[in-house]
Amino acid sequence: MKKLLWLTVSVAVITAVYLGRGHIHAFLVQAPDFAAQHEEPVILYGTSWCPYCDQTKVFLERNEIPYYEYNIEVSSEGYHQYKQLNGQGTPLLLINKQVIRGYNPPVIMEVLTKGSVTQTEADSGKQSSLSLSPPDPS
């Protein structure tokens, strides 16, 4: 019975580590400072077909917030940075060395004004397109 319990616990721990490896990596390794390469305070990683990317651009422009945009399907540098930031959906924004996932205006404004939010806040209330390739036209 102890062997079965030990095996079950071992499998559960291995599975948890495997499924959470991206989060563990992000926790242990600080995100690269890609913002240092640009004058703009916001870097937007998106695609041409993502409706939330379009909404994010409109929001930034209406609020006169300068941003640098990478289309991750066209720009190899943008795609590389997106992957380094553990990008899984679009839009993804980098502001003050903080990653914001999805279209989330309150968090964008808070990071711009206060400098940071918790990652839970950065991920809450987000709207994003999770697919990384354009939808099939058929």
C-alpha atoms as a PDB file:
ATOM      1  CA  MET A   1       0.000   0.000   0.000  1.00  0.00           C
ATOM      2  CA  LYS A   2       2.853   2.394   0.825  1.00  0.00           C
ATOM      3  CA  LYS A   3       4.423   1.689  -2.576  1.00  0.00           C
ATOM      4  CA  LEU A   4       1.182   2.575  -4.353  1.00  0.00           C
ATOM      5  CA  LEU A   5       0.845   5.786  -2.342  1.00  0.00           C
ATOM      6  CA  TRP A   6       4.496   6.692  -3.039  1.00  0.00           C
ATOM      7  CA  LEU A   7       4.012   6.019  -6.763  1.00  0.00           C
ATOM      8  CA  THR A   8       0.816   8.109  -6.875  1.00  0.00           C
ATOM      9  CA  VAL A   9       2.454  11.046  -5.104  1.00  0.00           C
ATOM     10  CA  SER A  10       5.520  10.803  -7.359  1.00  0.00           C
ATOM     11  CA  VAL A  11       3.396  10.823 -10.516  1.00  0.00           C
ATOM     12  CA  ALA A  12       1.380  13.784  -9.213  1.00  0.00           C
ATOM     13  CA  VAL A  13       4.531  15.793  -8.418  1.00  0.00           C
ATOM     14  CA  ILE A  14       6.143  15.003 -11.779  1.00  0.00           C
ATOM     15  CA  THR A  15       2.936  15.950 -13.603  1.00  0.00           C
ATOM     16  CA  ALA A  16       2.621  19.223 -11.667  1.00  0.00           C
ATOM     17  CA  VAL A  17       6.235  20.156 -12.415  1.00  0.00           C
ATOM     18  CA  TYR A  18       5.815  19.270 -16.098  1.00  0.00           C
ATOM     19  CA  LEU A  19       2.591  21.262 -16.505  1.00  0.00           C
ATOM     20  CA  GLY A  20       3.924  24.253 -14.589  1.00  0.00           C
ATOM     21  CA  ARG A  21       7.380  24.362 -16.144  1.00  0.00           C
ATOM     22  CA  GLY A  22       6.719  27.636 -18.023  1.00  0.00           C
ATOM     23  CA  HIS A  23       5.563  29.354 -14.846  1.00  0.00           C
ATOM     24  CA  ILE A  24       8.489  27.929 -12.880  1.00  0.00           C
ATOM     25  CA  HIS A  25      10.923  29.148 -15.548  1.00  0.00           C
ATOM     26  CA  ALA A  26       9.311  32.599 -15.597  1.00  0.00           C
ATOM     27  CA  PHE A  27       9.538  32.776 -11.806  1.00  0.00           C
ATOM     28  CA  LEU A  28      13.208  31.765 -11.684  1.00  0.00           C
ATOM     29  CA  VAL A  29      14.430  33.753 -14.691  1.00  0.00           C
ATOM     30  CA  GLN A  30      13.761  37.480 -15.003  1.00  0.00           C
ATOM     31  CA  ALA A  31      12.298  38.553 -18.338  1.00  0.00           C
ATOM     32  CA  PRO A  32      14.843  40.127 -20.686  1.00  0.00           C
ATOM     33  CA  ASP A  33      14.710  43.913 -20.923  1.00  0.00           C
ATOM     34  CA  PHE A  34      13.553  44.234 -24.524  1.00  0.00           C
ATOM     35  CA  ALA A  35      12.164  47.682 -23.717  1.00  0.00           C
ATOM     36  CA  ALA A  36      15.731  49.025 -23.578  1.00  0.00           C
ATOM     37  CA  GLN A  37      15.857  48.561 -27.378  1.00  0.00           C
ATOM     38  CA  HIS A  38      13.009  51.048 -27.914  1.00  0.00           C
ATOM     39  CA  GLU A  39      12.161  54.615 -26.965  1.00  0.00           C
ATOM     40  CA  GLU A  40       8.448  53.823 -26.635  1.00  0.00           C
ATOM     41  CA  PRO A  41       7.223  52.855 -23.143  1.00  0.00           C
ATOM     42  CA  VAL A  42       5.028  50.033 -24.498  1.00  0.00           C
ATOM     43  CA  ILE A  43       5.953  47.101 -26.726  1.00  0.00           C
ATOM     44  CA  LEU A  44       2.985  45.321 -28.305  1.00  0.00           C
ATOM     45  CA  TYR A  45       3.363  41.778 -29.673  1.00  0.00           C
ATOM     46  CA  GLY A  46       0.423  40.851 -31.875  1.00  0.00           C
ATOM     47  CA  THR A  47      -0.861  39.548 -35.190  1.00  0.00           C
ATOM     48  CA  SER A  48      -2.681  41.167 -38.088  1.00  0.00           C
ATOM     49  CA  TRP A  49      -5.856  39.124 -37.560  1.00  0.00           C
ATOM     50  CA  CYS A  50      -6.183  39.486 -33.747  1.00  0.00           C
ATOM     51  CA  PRO A  51      -9.225  41.631 -32.801  1.00  0.00           C
ATOM     52  CA  TYR A  52      -7.900  42.242 -29.268  1.00  0.00           C
ATOM     53  CA  CYS A  53      -4.613  43.487 -30.749  1.00  0.00           C
ATOM     54  CA  ASP A  54      -6.634  46.009 -32.775  1.00  0.00           C
ATOM     55  CA  GLN A  55      -8.545  47.066 -29.642  1.00  0.00           C
ATOM     56  CA  THR A  56      -5.261  47.457 -27.773  1.00  0.00           C
ATOM     57  CA  LYS A  57      -3.828  49.671 -30.528  1.00  0.00           C
ATOM     58  CA  VAL A  58      -6.964  51.834 -30.553  1.00  0.00           C
ATOM     59  CA  PHE A  59      -6.795  52.152 -26.754  1.00  0.00           C
ATOM     60  CA  LEU A  60      -3.113  53.146 -26.824  1.00  0.00           C
ATOM     61  CA  GLU A  61      -3.651  55.662 -29.638  1.00  0.00           C
ATOM     62  CA  ARG A  62      -6.730  57.246 -28.000  1.00  0.00           C
ATOM     63  CA  ASN A  63      -4.765  57.701 -24.804  1.00  0.00           C
ATOM     64  CA  GLU A  64      -1.754  59.035 -26.730  1.00  0.00           C
ATOM     65  CA  ILE A  65       0.496  56.287 -25.381  1.00  0.00           C
ATOM     66  CA  PRO A  66       3.484  55.695 -27.684  1.00  0.00           C
ATOM     67  CA  TYR A  67       4.100  52.040 -28.492  1.00  0.00           C
ATOM     68  CA  TYR A  68       6.291  49.859 -30.668  1.00  0.00           C
ATOM     69  CA  GLU A  69       4.496  47.032 -32.437  1.00  0.00           C
ATOM     70  CA  TYR A  70       5.844  43.653 -33.483  1.00  0.00           C
ATOM     71  CA  ASN A  71       3.732  41.488 -35.786  1.00  0.00           C
ATOM     72  CA  ILE A  72       5.001  38.136 -34.519  1.00  0.00           C
ATOM     73  CA  GLU A  73       3.998  36.386 -37.749  1.00  0.00           C
ATOM     74  CA  VAL A  74       6.243  38.662 -39.827  1.00  0.00           C
ATOM     75  CA  SER A  75       9.046  39.809 -37.526  1.00  0.00           C
ATOM     76  CA  SER A  76      11.538  37.120 -36.532  1.00  0.00           C
ATOM     77  CA  GLU A  77      12.938  39.429 -33.826  1.00  0.00           C
ATOM     78  CA  GLY A  78       9.427  40.087 -32.510  1.00  0.00           C
ATOM     79  CA  TYR A  79       8.605  36.369 -32.506  1.00  0.00           C
ATOM     80  CA  HIS A  80      11.871  35.594 -30.688  1.00  0.00           C
ATOM     81  CA  GLN A  81      11.121  38.198 -28.008  1.00  0.00           C
ATOM     82  CA  TYR A  82       7.518  36.966 -27.721  1.00  0.00           C
ATOM     83  CA  LYS A  83       8.738  33.417 -27.065  1.00  0.00           C
ATOM     84  CA  GLN A  84      11.344  34.650 -24.553  1.00  0.00           C
ATOM     85  CA  LEU A  85       8.484  36.316 -22.680  1.00  0.00           C
ATOM     86  CA  ASN A  86       6.556  33.001 -22.647  1.00  0.00           C
ATOM     87  CA  GLY A  87       3.969  34.340 -25.080  1.00  0.00           C
ATOM     88  CA  GLN A  88       0.987  32.032 -25.508  1.00  0.00           C
ATOM     89  CA  GLY A  89      -1.639  34.351 -26.943  1.00  0.00           C
ATOM     90  CA  THR A  90      -2.052  37.811 -28.361  1.00  0.00           C
ATOM     91  CA  PRO A  91      -1.888  40.615 -27.587  1.00  0.00           C
ATOM     92  CA  LEU A  92       1.077  40.528 -25.256  1.00  0.00           C
ATOM     93  CA  LEU A  93       2.466  43.819 -23.955  1.00  0.00           C
ATOM     94  CA  LEU A  94       5.732  44.664 -22.254  1.00  0.00           C
ATOM     95  CA  ILE A  95       5.543  47.772 -20.056  1.00  0.00           C
ATOM     96  CA  ASN A  96       8.120  48.682 -17.393  1.00  0.00           C
ATOM     97  CA  LYS A  97       9.622  45.174 -17.644  1.00  0.00           C
ATOM     98  CA  GLN A  98       6.183  43.727 -16.855  1.00  0.00           C
ATOM     99  CA  VAL A  99       4.332  41.370 -19.167  1.00  0.00           C
ATOM    100  CA  ILE A 100       0.614  41.985 -19.659  1.00  0.00           C
ATOM    101  CA  ARG A 101      -1.299  39.210 -21.390  1.00  0.00           C
ATOM    102  CA  GLY A 102      -4.424  40.112 -23.326  1.00  0.00           C
ATOM    103  CA  TYR A 103      -6.438  43.298 -23.789  1.00  0.00           C
ATOM    104  CA  ASN A 104      -6.704  44.762 -20.302  1.00  0.00           C
ATOM    105  CA  PRO A 105      -6.933  48.606 -20.273  1.00  0.00           C
ATOM    106  CA  PRO A 106      -7.128  49.069 -16.457  1.00  0.00           C
ATOM    107  CA  VAL A 107      -3.941  47.055 -15.942  1.00  0.00           C
ATOM    108  CA  ILE A 108      -2.177  48.820 -18.833  1.00  0.00           C
ATOM    109  CA  MET A 109      -2.940  52.199 -17.247  1.00  0.00           C
ATOM    110  CA  GLU A 110      -1.966  51.020 -13.773  1.00  0.00           C
ATOM    111  CA  VAL A 111       1.408  49.714 -14.936  1.00  0.00           C
ATOM    112  CA  LEU A 112       2.054  52.937 -16.852  1.00  0.00           C
ATOM    113  CA  THR A 113       1.165  55.134 -13.864  1.00  0.00           C
ATOM    114  CA  LYS A 114       2.290  53.062 -10.873  1.00  0.00           C
ATOM    115  CA  GLY A 115       5.078  51.080 -12.497  1.00  0.00           C
ATOM    116  CA  SER A 116       3.867  47.570 -11.698  1.00  0.00           C
ATOM    117  CA  VAL A 117       1.059  45.252 -10.661  1.00  0.00           C
ATOM    118  CA  THR A 118       1.109  41.667  -9.441  1.00  0.00           C
ATOM    119  CA  GLN A 119       1.138  39.021 -12.161  1.00  0.00           C
ATOM    120  CA  THR A 120      -2.295  37.888 -10.968  1.00  0.00           C
ATOM    121  CA  GLU A 121      -3.616  41.401 -11.597  1.00  0.00           C
ATOM    122  CA  ALA A 122      -1.849  41.513 -14.968  1.00  0.00           C
ATOM    123  CA  ASP A 123      -3.589  38.289 -16.000  1.00  0.00           C
ATOM    124  CA  SER A 124      -7.041  39.102 -14.559  1.00  0.00           C
ATOM    125  CA  GLY A 125      -9.831  40.359 -16.769  1.00  0.00           C
ATOM    126  CA  LYS A 126      -7.805  39.834 -19.896  1.00  0.00           C
ATOM    127  CA  GLN A 127      -9.158  39.215 -23.350  1.00  0.00           C
ATOM    128  CA  SER A 128      -6.852  37.545 -25.823  1.00  0.00           C
ATOM    129  CA  SER A 129      -6.725  35.495 -28.969  1.00  0.00           C
ATOM    130  CA  LEU A 130      -5.104  32.257 -27.897  1.00  0.00           C
ATOM    131  CA  SER A 131      -4.374  30.830 -31.312  1.00  0.00           C
ATOM    132  CA  LEU A 132      -0.961  31.626 -32.794  1.00  0.00           C
ATOM    133  CA  SER A 133      -1.864  31.120 -36.427  1.00  0.00           C
ATOM    134  CA  PRO A 134      -4.538  32.807 -38.544  1.00  0.00           C
ATOM    135  CA  PRO A 135      -7.905  31.062 -38.732  1.00  0.00           C
ATOM    136  CA  ASP A 136      -8.467  28.787 -41.692  1.00  0.00           C
ATOM    137  CA  PRO A 137     -10.166  30.821 -44.464  1.00  0.00           C
ATOM    138  CA  SER A 138     -12.466  27.940 -45.467  1.00  0.00           C
END
